[in-house]
C-alpha atoms as a PDB file:
ATOM      1  CA  MET A   1      -0.126  -0.411   0.124  1.00  0.00           C
ATOM      2  CA  LYS A   2       2.953   2.600   0.855  1.00  0.00           C
ATOM      3  CA  MET A   3       4.822   1.420  -2.268  1.00  0.00           C
ATOM      4  CA  ARG A   4       1.507   2.452  -4.253  1.00  0.00           C
ATOM      5  CA  ARG A   5       1.349   5.388  -2.633  1.00  0.00           C
ATOM      6  CA  SER A   6       5.084   6.419  -3.080  1.00  0.00           C
ATOM      7  CA  LEU A   7       4.386   5.520  -6.712  1.00  0.00           C
ATOM      8  CA  SER A   8       1.825   7.532  -7.576  1.00  0.00           C
ATOM      9  CA  LEU A   9       3.411  10.763  -5.653  1.00  0.00           C
ATOM     10  CA  LEU A  10       6.101  10.279  -7.816  1.00  0.00           C
ATOM     11  CA  LEU A  11       4.163  10.012 -11.615  1.00  0.00           C
ATOM     12  CA  ALA A  12       2.611  13.097  -9.920  1.00  0.00           C
ATOM     13  CA  LEU A  13       6.224  14.865  -9.440  1.00  0.00           C
ATOM     14  CA  LEU A  14       7.458  13.997 -13.040  1.00  0.00           C
ATOM     15  CA  MET A  15       4.500  15.478 -14.311  1.00  0.00           C
ATOM     16  CA  VAL A  16       4.764  18.686 -12.460  1.00  0.00           C
ATOM     17  CA  MET A  17       8.309  19.305 -14.057  1.00  0.00           C
ATOM     18  CA  LEU A  18       7.712  18.035 -17.621  1.00  0.00           C
ATOM     19  CA  VAL A  19       5.269  21.198 -17.705  1.00  0.00           C
ATOM     20  CA  PHE A  20       7.510  23.368 -16.264  1.00  0.00           C
ATOM     21  CA  ALA A  21      10.096  22.280 -18.562  1.00  0.00           C
ATOM     22  CA  GLY A  22       8.034  23.018 -21.520  1.00  0.00           C
ATOM     23  CA  CYS A  23       6.478  26.545 -20.065  1.00  0.00           C
ATOM     24  CA  GLY A  24      10.248  27.369 -20.051  1.00  0.00           C
ATOM     25  CA  LYS A  25      10.954  26.086 -23.118  1.00  0.00           C
ATOM     26  CA  THR A  26       7.817  28.573 -25.177  1.00  0.00           C
ATOM     27  CA  GLU A  27       9.425  31.287 -22.748  1.00  0.00           C
ATOM     28  CA  VAL A  28      13.253  31.030 -24.377  1.00  0.00           C
ATOM     29  CA  LYS A  29      11.647  30.472 -28.023  1.00  0.00           C
ATOM     30  CA  GLU A  30       9.395  33.727 -27.854  1.00  0.00           C
ATOM     31  CA  GLU A  31      12.080  35.630 -26.522  1.00  0.00           C
ATOM     32  CA  GLU A  32      14.575  34.087 -29.141  1.00  0.00           C
ATOM     33  CA  VAL A  33      11.506  35.319 -32.015  1.00  0.00           C
ATOM     34  CA  LYS A  34      11.284  38.894 -30.367  1.00  0.00           C
ATOM     35  CA  THR A  35      15.262  39.476 -30.241  1.00  0.00           C
ATOM     36  CA  GLU A  36      15.640  38.419 -34.003  1.00  0.00           C
ATOM     37  CA  GLU A  37      13.059  40.358 -34.952  1.00  0.00           C
ATOM     38  CA  VAL A  38      14.479  43.251 -33.457  1.00  0.00           C
ATOM     39  CA  GLN A  39      17.643  42.415 -34.802  1.00  0.00           C
ATOM     40  CA  THR A  40      16.413  42.345 -38.563  1.00  0.00           C
ATOM     41  CA  GLU A  41      14.652  45.906 -37.982  1.00  0.00           C
ATOM     42  CA  GLU A  42      18.360  47.556 -36.708  1.00  0.00           C
ATOM     43  CA  THR A  43      19.906  45.929 -39.877  1.00  0.00           C
ATOM     44  CA  GLN A  44      17.516  47.166 -42.163  1.00  0.00           C
ATOM     45  CA  GLU A  45      17.622  50.919 -40.455  1.00  0.00           C
ATOM     46  CA  THR A  46      21.846  50.550 -40.747  1.00  0.00           C
ATOM     47  CA  THR A  47      21.926  49.511 -44.112  1.00  0.00           C
ATOM     48  CA  GLU A  48      19.724  52.113 -45.731  1.00  0.00           C
ATOM     49  CA  GLU A  49      21.984  53.682 -48.433  1.00  0.00           C
ATOM     50  CA  PRO A  50      22.313  56.952 -49.774  1.00  0.00           C
ATOM     51  CA  ALA A  51      20.133  57.575 -52.882  1.00  0.00           C
ATOM     52  CA  VAL A  52      23.471  57.721 -55.346  1.00  0.00           C
ATOM     53  CA  ALA A  53      25.014  54.913 -53.546  1.00  0.00           C
ATOM     54  CA  ASP A  54      28.385  55.334 -55.673  1.00  0.00           C
ATOM     55  CA  PHE A  55      28.441  59.307 -55.965  1.00  0.00           C
ATOM     56  CA  ASN A  56      31.559  60.551 -54.393  1.00  0.00           C
ATOM     57  CA  GLY A  57      30.189  64.048 -54.414  1.00  0.00           C
ATOM     58  CA  THR A  58      32.301  65.537 -57.346  1.00  0.00           C
ATOM     59  CA  ILE A  59      30.468  66.671 -60.834  1.00  0.00           C
ATOM     60  CA  LEU A  60      32.308  67.815 -63.186  1.00  0.00           C
ATOM     61  CA  PHE A  61      32.001  70.514 -66.224  1.00  0.00           C
ATOM     62  CA  ASN A  62      33.960  71.091 -69.267  1.00  0.00           C
ATOM     63  CA  GLY A  63      33.873  72.809 -72.457  1.00  0.00           C
ATOM     64  CA  SER A  64      32.596  76.776 -73.171  1.00  0.00           C
ATOM     65  CA  SER A  65      35.254  79.543 -72.197  1.00  0.00           C
ATOM     66  CA  THR A  66      31.659  81.747 -72.508  1.00  0.00           C
ATOM     67  CA  LEU A  67      29.295  79.113 -69.681  1.00  0.00           C
ATOM     68  CA  ALA A  68      32.534  78.191 -67.706  1.00  0.00           C
ATOM     69  CA  PRO A  69      32.529  81.894 -65.477  1.00  0.00           C
ATOM     70  CA  VAL A  70      28.225  81.622 -65.436  1.00  0.00           C
ATOM     71  CA  ILE A  71      28.851  77.954 -64.044  1.00  0.00           C
ATOM     72  CA  SER A  72      31.784  78.701 -61.502  1.00  0.00           C
ATOM     73  CA  ALA A  73      30.006  81.480 -59.952  1.00  0.00           C
ATOM     74  CA  ILE A  74      26.442  79.462 -59.153  1.00  0.00           C
ATOM     75  CA  ALA A  75      28.554  76.862 -57.775  1.00  0.00           C
ATOM     76  CA  ALA A  76      30.655  78.843 -55.426  1.00  0.00           C
ATOM     77  CA  GLU A  77      27.471  80.111 -54.223  1.00  0.00           C
ATOM     78  CA  TYR A  78      26.054  77.093 -53.889  1.00  0.00           C
ATOM     79  CA  ASN A  79      29.042  75.648 -52.242  1.00  0.00           C
ATOM     80  CA  GLU A  80      28.744  78.444 -49.732  1.00  0.00           C
ATOM     81  CA  GLU A  81      25.214  77.989 -48.937  1.00  0.00           C
ATOM     82  CA  TYR A  82      25.136  74.033 -48.549  1.00  0.00           C
ATOM     83  CA  GLY A  83      28.778  73.181 -47.870  1.00  0.00           C
ATOM     84  CA  THR A  84      27.704  69.165 -48.121  1.00  0.00           C
ATOM     85  CA  TRP A  85      25.454  67.076 -50.328  1.00  0.00           C
ATOM     86  CA  ASP A  86      23.242  66.325 -47.328  1.00  0.00           C
ATOM     87  CA  LYS A  87      22.401  69.615 -46.457  1.00  0.00           C
ATOM     88  CA  VAL A  88      20.868  69.834 -50.431  1.00  0.00           C
ATOM     89  CA  ASP A  89      18.834  66.583 -49.431  1.00  0.00           C
ATOM     90  CA  PRO A  90      19.534  64.212 -46.680  1.00  0.00           C
ATOM     91  CA  SER A  91      18.824  60.965 -49.210  1.00  0.00           C
ATOM     92  CA  LEU A  92      22.099  62.864 -51.177  1.00  0.00           C
ATOM     93  CA  GLY A  93      24.544  61.446 -48.512  1.00  0.00           C
ATOM     94  CA  ASP A  94      27.101  63.537 -46.412  1.00  0.00           C
ATOM     95  CA  LYS A  95      29.815  63.843 -49.042  1.00  0.00           C
ATOM     96  CA  ASP A  96      31.620  67.506 -49.398  1.00  0.00           C
ATOM     97  CA  ILE A  97      30.056  69.393 -52.394  1.00  0.00           C
ATOM     98  CA  ALA A  98      32.758  69.630 -55.282  1.00  0.00           C
ATOM     99  CA  ILE A  99      31.695  70.661 -58.575  1.00  0.00           C
ATOM    100  CA  PHE A 100      35.017  71.853 -60.981  1.00  0.00           C
ATOM    101  CA  VAL A 101      34.207  73.519 -64.089  1.00  0.00           C
ATOM    102  CA  SER A 102      37.300  73.620 -66.674  1.00  0.00           C
ATOM    103  CA  SER A 103      36.721  75.899 -70.243  1.00  0.00           C
ATOM    104  CA  GLY A 104      38.501  74.726 -73.629  1.00  0.00           C
ATOM    105  CA  GLY A 105      35.699  75.741 -75.973  1.00  0.00           C
ATOM    106  CA  SER A 106      32.450  74.296 -76.714  1.00  0.00           C
ATOM    107  CA  GLY A 107      34.009  71.200 -79.140  1.00  0.00           C
ATOM    108  CA  GLN A 108      35.962  70.264 -76.352  1.00  0.00           C
ATOM    109  CA  GLY A 109      33.172  70.015 -73.975  1.00  0.00           C
ATOM    110  CA  VAL A 110      31.004  67.695 -76.680  1.00  0.00           C
ATOM    111  CA  LYS A 111      34.696  65.729 -77.423  1.00  0.00           C
ATOM    112  CA  SER A 112      34.690  65.476 -73.345  1.00  0.00           C
ATOM    113  CA  VAL A 113      31.419  64.220 -72.917  1.00  0.00           C
ATOM    114  CA  ILE A 114      31.679  61.567 -75.971  1.00  0.00           C
ATOM    115  CA  GLU A 115      34.958  59.914 -74.039  1.00  0.00           C
ATOM    116  CA  GLY A 116      33.345  60.061 -70.893  1.00  0.00           C
ATOM    117  CA  THR A 117      35.763  62.323 -68.945  1.00  0.00           C
ATOM    118  CA  THR A 118      33.351  64.915 -67.704  1.00  0.00           C
ATOM    119  CA  ASP A 119      30.034  64.566 -66.283  1.00  0.00           C
ATOM    120  CA  PHE A 120      28.812  67.728 -68.334  1.00  0.00           C
ATOM    121  CA  GLY A 121      29.936  69.707 -71.323  1.00  0.00           C
ATOM    122  CA  MET A 122      29.117  73.282 -71.769  1.00  0.00           C
ATOM    123  CA  VAL A 123      28.574  74.110 -75.212  1.00  0.00           C
ATOM    124  CA  SER A 124      27.781  77.899 -76.701  1.00  0.00           C
ATOM    125  CA  ARG A 125      26.677  76.774 -79.805  1.00  0.00           C
ATOM    126  CA  GLU A 126      23.876  74.161 -81.488  1.00  0.00           C
ATOM    127  CA  VAL A 127      25.680  70.495 -80.555  1.00  0.00           C
ATOM    128  CA  LYS A 128      25.779  68.917 -84.340  1.00  0.00           C
ATOM    129  CA  ASP A 129      23.982  65.647 -85.317  1.00  0.00           C
ATOM    130  CA  GLU A 130      26.938  63.603 -85.704  1.00  0.00           C
ATOM    131  CA  GLU A 131      28.065  64.501 -82.504  1.00  0.00           C
ATOM    132  CA  LYS A 132      24.971  63.666 -80.412  1.00  0.00           C
ATOM    133  CA  GLU A 133      25.195  60.302 -82.699  1.00  0.00           C
ATOM    134  CA  GLN A 134      27.992  59.886 -80.738  1.00  0.00           C
ATOM    135  CA  ILE A 135      26.621  60.206 -77.209  1.00  0.00           C
ATOM    136  CA  PRO A 136      24.731  57.665 -75.743  1.00  0.00           C
ATOM    137  CA  ASN A 137      21.610  58.475 -74.470  1.00  0.00           C
ATOM    138  CA  TYR A 138      22.088  62.410 -75.510  1.00  0.00           C
ATOM    139  CA  ASN A 139      20.825  64.655 -73.208  1.00  0.00           C
ATOM    140  CA  GLU A 140      20.909  68.616 -73.157  1.00  0.00           C
ATOM    141  CA  VAL A 141      19.521  71.788 -71.019  1.00  0.00           C
ATOM    142  CA  MET A 142      19.062  75.103 -72.212  1.00  0.00           C
ATOM    143  CA  ILE A 143      20.177  77.527 -69.408  1.00  0.00           C
ATOM    144  CA  GLY A 144      20.218  80.344 -71.231  1.00  0.00           C
ATOM    145  CA  VAL A 145      20.506  82.245 -74.583  1.00  0.00           C
ATOM    146  CA  ASP A 146      23.873  84.886 -76.020  1.00  0.00           C
ATOM    147  CA  ALA A 147      24.477  86.675 -78.875  1.00  0.00           C
ATOM    148  CA  LEU A 148      27.562  87.317 -81.115  1.00  0.00           C
ATOM    149  CA  THR A 149      28.064  91.716 -81.339  1.00  0.00           C
ATOM    150  CA  ILE A 150      30.038  93.004 -83.622  1.00  0.00           C
ATOM    151  CA  THR A 151      32.758  94.801 -81.477  1.00  0.00           C
ATOM    152  CA  VAL A 152      34.776  97.393 -81.794  1.00  0.00           C
ATOM    153  CA  ASN A 153      37.115 100.204 -79.708  1.00  0.00           C
ATOM    154  CA  PRO A 154      35.260 102.735 -78.648  1.00  0.00           C
ATOM    155  CA  ALA A 155      38.115 105.355 -80.146  1.00  0.00           C
ATOM    156  CA  ASN A 156      36.791 103.705 -84.004  1.00  0.00           C
ATOM    157  CA  GLN A 157      34.765 106.168 -85.523  1.00  0.00           C
ATOM    158  CA  ILE A 158      33.227 103.920 -87.679  1.00  0.00           C
ATOM    159  CA  ALA A 159      29.369 103.910 -87.985  1.00  0.00           C
ATOM    160  CA  ASP A 160      27.031 102.122 -85.623  1.00  0.00           C
ATOM    161  CA  ASP A 161      25.320 100.249 -87.963  1.00  0.00           C
ATOM    162  CA  LEU A 162      26.667  97.528 -91.085  1.00  0.00           C
ATOM    163  CA  THR A 163      25.487  95.065 -93.451  1.00  0.00           C
ATOM    164  CA  LYS A 164      26.169  91.876 -93.337  1.00  0.00           C
ATOM    165  CA  GLU A 165      28.259  92.055 -96.073  1.00  0.00           C
ATOM    166  CA  ASP A 166      30.101  94.615 -94.803  1.00  0.00           C
ATOM    167  CA  ILE A 167      30.967  92.570 -91.544  1.00  0.00           C
ATOM    168  CA  MET A 168      31.938  89.592 -94.150  1.00  0.00           C
ATOM    169  CA  LYS A 169      34.414  91.712 -96.016  1.00  0.00           C
ATOM    170  CA  ILE A 170      35.884  92.895 -93.189  1.00  0.00           C
ATOM    171  CA  PHE A 171      36.435  89.440 -91.451  1.00  0.00           C
ATOM    172  CA  SER A 172      37.309  87.848 -94.564  1.00  0.00           C
ATOM    173  CA  GLY A 173      39.998  91.119 -95.228  1.00  0.00           C
ATOM    174  CA  GLU A 174      38.525  92.333 -98.500  1.00  0.00           C
ATOM    175  CA  TYR A 175      38.443  95.147 -96.774  1.00  0.00           C
ATOM    176  CA  LYS A 176      42.216  95.717 -95.287  1.00  0.00           C
ATOM    177  CA  LYS A 177      42.433  99.571 -94.029  1.00  0.00           C
ATOM    178  CA  TRP A 178      39.262 101.151 -92.044  1.00  0.00           C
ATOM    179  CA  SER A 179      39.337 103.961 -94.985  1.00  0.00           C
ATOM    180  CA  ASP A 180      38.194 100.682 -97.366  1.00  0.00           C
ATOM    181  CA  ILE A 181      35.143 101.003 -95.348  1.00  0.00           C
ATOM    182  CA  ASP A 182      34.874 104.716 -95.534  1.00  0.00           C
ATOM    183  CA  PRO A 183      37.283 107.101 -96.593  1.00  0.00           C
ATOM    184  CA  ALA A 184      36.461 109.424 -93.910  1.00  0.00           C
ATOM    185  CA  LEU A 185      38.306 106.677 -91.341  1.00  0.00           C
ATOM    186  CA  ALA A 186      41.610 106.117 -90.168  1.00  0.00           C
ATOM    187  CA  ASN A 187      43.935 104.980 -92.947  1.00  0.00           C
ATOM    188  CA  GLU A 188      44.610 102.275 -90.402  1.00  0.00           C
ATOM    189  CA  GLU A 189      44.967  98.447 -91.060  1.00  0.00           C
ATOM    190  CA  ILE A 190      41.975  96.639 -89.814  1.00  0.00           C
ATOM    191  CA  ILE A 191      43.033  93.998 -86.785  1.00  0.00           C
ATOM    192  CA  VAL A 192      40.538  91.198 -86.817  1.00  0.00           C
ATOM    193  CA  ILE A 193      39.999  89.290 -83.644  1.00  0.00           C
ATOM    194  CA  THR A 194      38.128  85.886 -83.682  1.00  0.00           C
ATOM    195  CA  ARG A 195      37.566  82.576 -81.618  1.00  0.00           C
ATOM    196  CA  ASP A 196      39.694  80.057 -82.172  1.00  0.00           C
ATOM    197  CA  VAL A 197      38.159  76.968 -84.122  1.00  0.00           C
ATOM    198  CA  ASN A 198      37.453  74.945 -80.827  1.00  0.00           C
ATOM    199  CA  GLY A 199      35.450  77.768 -79.654  1.00  0.00           C
ATOM    200  CA  GLY A 200      31.589  77.811 -80.202  1.00  0.00           C
ATOM    201  CA  ALA A 201      30.805  81.348 -81.232  1.00  0.00           C
ATOM    202  CA  HIS A 202      33.624  80.394 -84.389  1.00  0.00           C
ATOM    203  CA  GLY A 203      31.012  78.123 -86.135  1.00  0.00           C
ATOM    204  CA  VAL A 204      27.658  80.346 -85.452  1.00  0.00           C
ATOM    205  CA  PHE A 205      29.596  83.636 -86.606  1.00  0.00           C
ATOM    206  CA  GLN A 206      30.904  81.262 -89.757  1.00  0.00           C
ATOM    207  CA  LYS A 207      27.136  79.874 -90.492  1.00  0.00           C
ATOM    208  CA  ALA A 208      25.294  83.475 -89.638  1.00  0.00           C
ATOM    209  CA  ILE A 209      27.841  85.870 -91.250  1.00  0.00           C
ATOM    210  CA  MET A 210      30.597  84.483 -93.595  1.00  0.00           C
ATOM    211  CA  GLY A 211      29.082  81.446 -95.159  1.00  0.00           C
ATOM    212  CA  ASP A 212      31.097  79.602 -97.530  1.00  0.00           C
ATOM    213  CA  VAL A 213      33.812  82.584 -97.167  1.00  0.00           C
ATOM    214  CA  GLN A 214      36.693  82.222 -94.417  1.00  0.00           C
ATOM    215  CA  VAL A 215      37.923  84.246 -92.039  1.00  0.00           C
ATOM    216  CA  LYS A 216      41.015  85.846 -92.962  1.00  0.00           C
ATOM    217  CA  GLU A 217      44.049  83.806 -92.551  1.00  0.00           C
ATOM    218  CA  ASP A 218      45.866  86.028 -90.057  1.00  0.00           C
ATOM    219  CA  ALA A 219      42.827  87.062 -87.578  1.00  0.00           C
ATOM    220  CA  ILE A 220      44.008  87.416 -84.361  1.00  0.00           C
ATOM    221  CA  GLN A 221      42.493  83.457 -82.584  1.00  0.00           C
ATOM    222  CA  ALA A 222      41.726  84.159 -79.005  1.00  0.00           C
ATOM    223  CA  ALA A 223      41.683  81.245 -76.574  1.00  0.00           C
ATOM    224  CA  SER A 224      38.699  82.691 -74.781  1.00  0.00           C
ATOM    225  CA  MET A 225      35.637  84.836 -75.464  1.00  0.00           C
ATOM    226  CA  GLY A 226      37.193  86.820 -72.657  1.00  0.00           C
ATOM    227  CA  GLU A 227      40.791  87.184 -74.232  1.00  0.00           C
ATOM    228  CA  LEU A 228      38.703  87.899 -77.692  1.00  0.00           C
ATOM    229  CA  VAL A 229      37.162  91.085 -75.966  1.00  0.00           C
ATOM    230  CA  GLN A 230      40.102  92.044 -73.978  1.00  0.00           C
ATOM    231  CA  ASN A 231      42.028  92.346 -77.248  1.00  0.00           C
ATOM    232  CA  VAL A 232      39.500  94.859 -78.570  1.00  0.00           C
ATOM    233  CA  ILE A 233      39.946  96.707 -75.581  1.00  0.00           C
ATOM    234  CA  ASP A 234      43.548  97.459 -75.878  1.00  0.00           C
ATOM    235  CA  ASN A 235      43.579  97.727 -79.776  1.00  0.00           C
ATOM    236  CA  PRO A 236      41.553 100.968 -81.345  1.00  0.00           C
ATOM    237  CA  ASN A 237      41.870  99.221 -84.715  1.00  0.00           C
ATOM    238  CA  ALA A 238      40.486  95.974 -83.426  1.00  0.00           C
ATOM    239  CA  ILE A 239      36.931  94.408 -84.434  1.00  0.00           C
ATOM    240  CA  GLY A 240      35.727  91.280 -83.150  1.00  0.00           C
ATOM    241  CA  TYR A 241      32.288  89.718 -82.383  1.00  0.00           C
ATOM    242  CA  GLY A 242      32.226  89.914 -78.549  1.00  0.00           C
ATOM    243  CA  SER A 243      29.483  87.667 -76.575  1.00  0.00           C
ATOM    244  CA  TYR A 244      26.846  89.844 -75.711  1.00  0.00           C
ATOM    245  CA  GLY A 245      27.311  88.954 -71.866  1.00  0.00           C
ATOM    246  CA  VAL A 246      31.145  89.490 -72.095  1.00  0.00           C
ATOM    247  CA  VAL A 247      30.814  92.522 -73.573  1.00  0.00           C
ATOM    248  CA  ASN A 248      28.198  93.852 -70.943  1.00  0.00           C
ATOM    249  CA  GLN A 249      30.615  92.749 -68.639  1.00  0.00           C
ATOM    250  CA  ASN A 250      32.584  95.102 -69.712  1.00  0.00           C
ATOM    251  CA  ALA A 251      30.355  97.922 -70.754  1.00  0.00           C
ATOM    252  CA  GLY A 252      32.237 101.238 -71.337  1.00  0.00           C
ATOM    253  CA  LYS A 253      35.082  99.528 -72.591  1.00  0.00           C
ATOM    254  CA  VAL A 254      33.711  98.655 -75.973  1.00  0.00           C
ATOM    255  CA  ARG A 255      31.353  99.746 -78.334  1.00  0.00           C
ATOM    256  CA  THR A 256      28.630  97.501 -80.173  1.00  0.00           C
ATOM    257  CA  ILE A 257      27.588  97.869 -84.210  1.00  0.00           C
ATOM    258  CA  LYS A 258      24.220  97.016 -84.750  1.00  0.00           C
ATOM    259  CA  VAL A 259      23.695  94.239 -87.821  1.00  0.00           C
ATOM    260  CA  GLU A 260      21.197  95.185 -90.399  1.00  0.00           C
ATOM    261  CA  GLY A 261      19.850  97.716 -88.376  1.00  0.00           C
ATOM    262  CA  ILE A 262      19.215  95.558 -85.473  1.00  0.00           C
ATOM    263  CA  GLU A 263      20.514  96.283 -82.303  1.00  0.00           C
ATOM    264  CA  ALA A 264      22.169  93.221 -79.990  1.00  0.00           C
ATOM    265  CA  ASN A 265      19.378  93.994 -76.724  1.00  0.00           C
ATOM    266  CA  GLN A 266      17.471  91.647 -74.855  1.00  0.00           C
ATOM    267  CA  GLU A 267      14.125  92.159 -76.547  1.00  0.00           C
ATOM    268  CA  ASN A 268      15.948  91.404 -80.020  1.00  0.00           C
ATOM    269  CA  ILE A 269      17.239  88.462 -78.681  1.00  0.00           C
ATOM    270  CA  VAL A 270      14.426  87.076 -77.335  1.00  0.00           C
ATOM    271  CA  ASN A 271      12.305  87.873 -80.392  1.00  0.00           C
ATOM    272  CA  LYS A 272      14.947  86.562 -82.629  1.00  0.00           C
ATOM    273  CA  SER A 273      15.692  89.256 -84.581  1.00  0.00           C
ATOM    274  CA  TYR A 274      19.122  89.760 -84.083  1.00  0.00           C
ATOM    275  CA  PRO A 275      21.100  87.231 -86.320  1.00  0.00           C
ATOM    276  CA  ILE A 276      23.671  85.924 -84.506  1.00  0.00           C
ATOM    277  CA  GLN A 277      22.781  84.172 -81.753  1.00  0.00           C
ATOM    278  CA  ARG A 278      23.489  81.288 -79.490  1.00  0.00           C
ATOM    279  CA  PRO A 279      22.020  78.788 -77.163  1.00  0.00           C
ATOM    280  CA  LEU A 280      24.082  78.163 -73.765  1.00  0.00           C
ATOM    281  CA  LEU A 281      23.694  74.568 -73.550  1.00  0.00           C
ATOM    282  CA  ILE A 282      24.356  71.639 -70.454  1.00  0.00           C
ATOM    283  CA  VAL A 283      24.818  68.493 -72.624  1.00  0.00           C
ATOM    284  CA  SER A 284      25.595  65.051 -70.812  1.00  0.00           C
ATOM    285  CA  SER A 285      25.246  61.320 -71.471  1.00  0.00           C
ATOM    286  CA  GLY A 286      22.056  59.784 -70.336  1.00  0.00           C
ATOM    287  CA  GLU A 287      19.922  61.500 -67.117  1.00  0.00           C
ATOM    288  CA  PRO A 288      21.797  62.952 -64.664  1.00  0.00           C
ATOM    289  CA  ASN A 289      21.636  61.485 -60.833  1.00  0.00           C
ATOM    290  CA  PRO A 290      19.635  62.965 -58.563  1.00  0.00           C
ATOM    291  CA  ALA A 291      22.501  65.183 -56.732  1.00  0.00           C
ATOM    292  CA  GLU A 292      23.400  66.597 -60.205  1.00  0.00           C
ATOM    293  CA  GLN A 293      19.546  67.060 -60.867  1.00  0.00           C
ATOM    294  CA  LYS A 294      20.017  69.124 -57.840  1.00  0.00           C
ATOM    295  CA  PHE A 295      22.327  71.575 -59.538  1.00  0.00           C
ATOM    296  CA  ILE A 296      20.291  71.187 -62.602  1.00  0.00           C
ATOM    297  CA  ASP A 297      17.642  72.879 -61.052  1.00  0.00           C
ATOM    298  CA  LEU A 298      19.577  75.578 -59.724  1.00  0.00           C
ATOM    299  CA  LEU A 299      20.197  77.102 -62.621  1.00  0.00           C
ATOM    300  CA  LEU A 300      16.982  76.787 -63.793  1.00  0.00           C
ATOM    301  CA  SER A 301      15.380  78.519 -60.533  1.00  0.00           C
ATOM    302  CA  GLU A 302      14.665  81.737 -60.316  1.00  0.00           C
ATOM    303  CA  GLU A 303      18.254  82.249 -58.375  1.00  0.00           C
ATOM    304  CA  GLY A 304      20.082  80.808 -60.891  1.00  0.00           C
ATOM    305  CA  GLN A 305      18.834  82.298 -63.827  1.00  0.00           C
ATOM    306  CA  GLY A 306      18.859  85.529 -62.320  1.00  0.00           C
ATOM    307  CA  THR A 307      22.902  84.990 -62.072  1.00  0.00           C
ATOM    308  CA  ILE A 308      22.647  84.609 -65.570  1.00  0.00           C
ATOM    309  CA  GLU A 309      20.642  87.754 -65.961  1.00  0.00           C
ATOM    310  CA  LYS A 310      23.170  89.675 -63.986  1.00  0.00           C
ATOM    311  CA  MET A 311      26.549  88.046 -65.738  1.00  0.00           C
ATOM    312  CA  GLY A 312      24.915  89.683 -68.636  1.00  0.00           C
ATOM    313  CA  PHE A 313      23.143  86.685 -70.706  1.00  0.00           C
ATOM    314  CA  VAL A 314      19.788  86.335 -71.454  1.00  0.00           C
ATOM    315  CA  PRO A 315      17.768  84.352 -69.256  1.00  0.00           C
ATOM    316  CA  VAL A 316      15.204  81.650 -70.548  1.00  0.00           C
ATOM    317  CA  LYS A 317      12.477  81.677 -67.967  1.00  0.00           C
END
């Protein structure tokens, strides 16, 4: 009888121990699941990456000597205001804003995009079809408009209006002295200043004025539009085709001449009545990444367009 009672107590004790063991095991599993959930959430939070994962903070511009000072000025203001890309947009990461601008002419800008050595080409002329064909997923944004003005030294007494034919004869060398144009003018040699062949202005002027006639071989070729205008400032017998924007930056130091009675001013450039004008373009291969798009948006914003206008060019907005 005692043995039977002892056996019953032993069995009951074993059952109680098994129940507690099972309960303890269930609690551990629940705790493990909760821990795994927390770790998974933490892992997801820590592995979030910037919108542009491989973006190192740098944007490269190369090309037009006319556009280079404009992009440089806007980039400097942008960098001063934000400093790092996350201040522009948190999704862009905290890299320093580094926008590098180099000039070498519109042709060089297009070539750099074709070769993949720059992010954006700065081009102050229409891009040729054969150039577009060499750029995969060709993309362009017009940020302003410029014109080529017939620019002389203020000391030059030439009339303030010339025909296209007169201009062609001056730049081709058919007119060799100022007195060939008007006997009342100085019997001095005409010094023709042009942009080099890599400059966007070279092709624009050739198409608008020269046609099939070539500019005289001994014309002085300036490496930039700033250099061209400075040559006219320095030489009373010089004539060149100065950028509207660069001429405005040197107001009072040069004089511009009407073409076929039409003055180079903002109204005549906008309505396209002035005959020698050109677009200011930013070209690239493919769509800009998010950081690049932010900067392009700035160029087209009221602030960016205001800077373009202040620097003497015609805004597009």
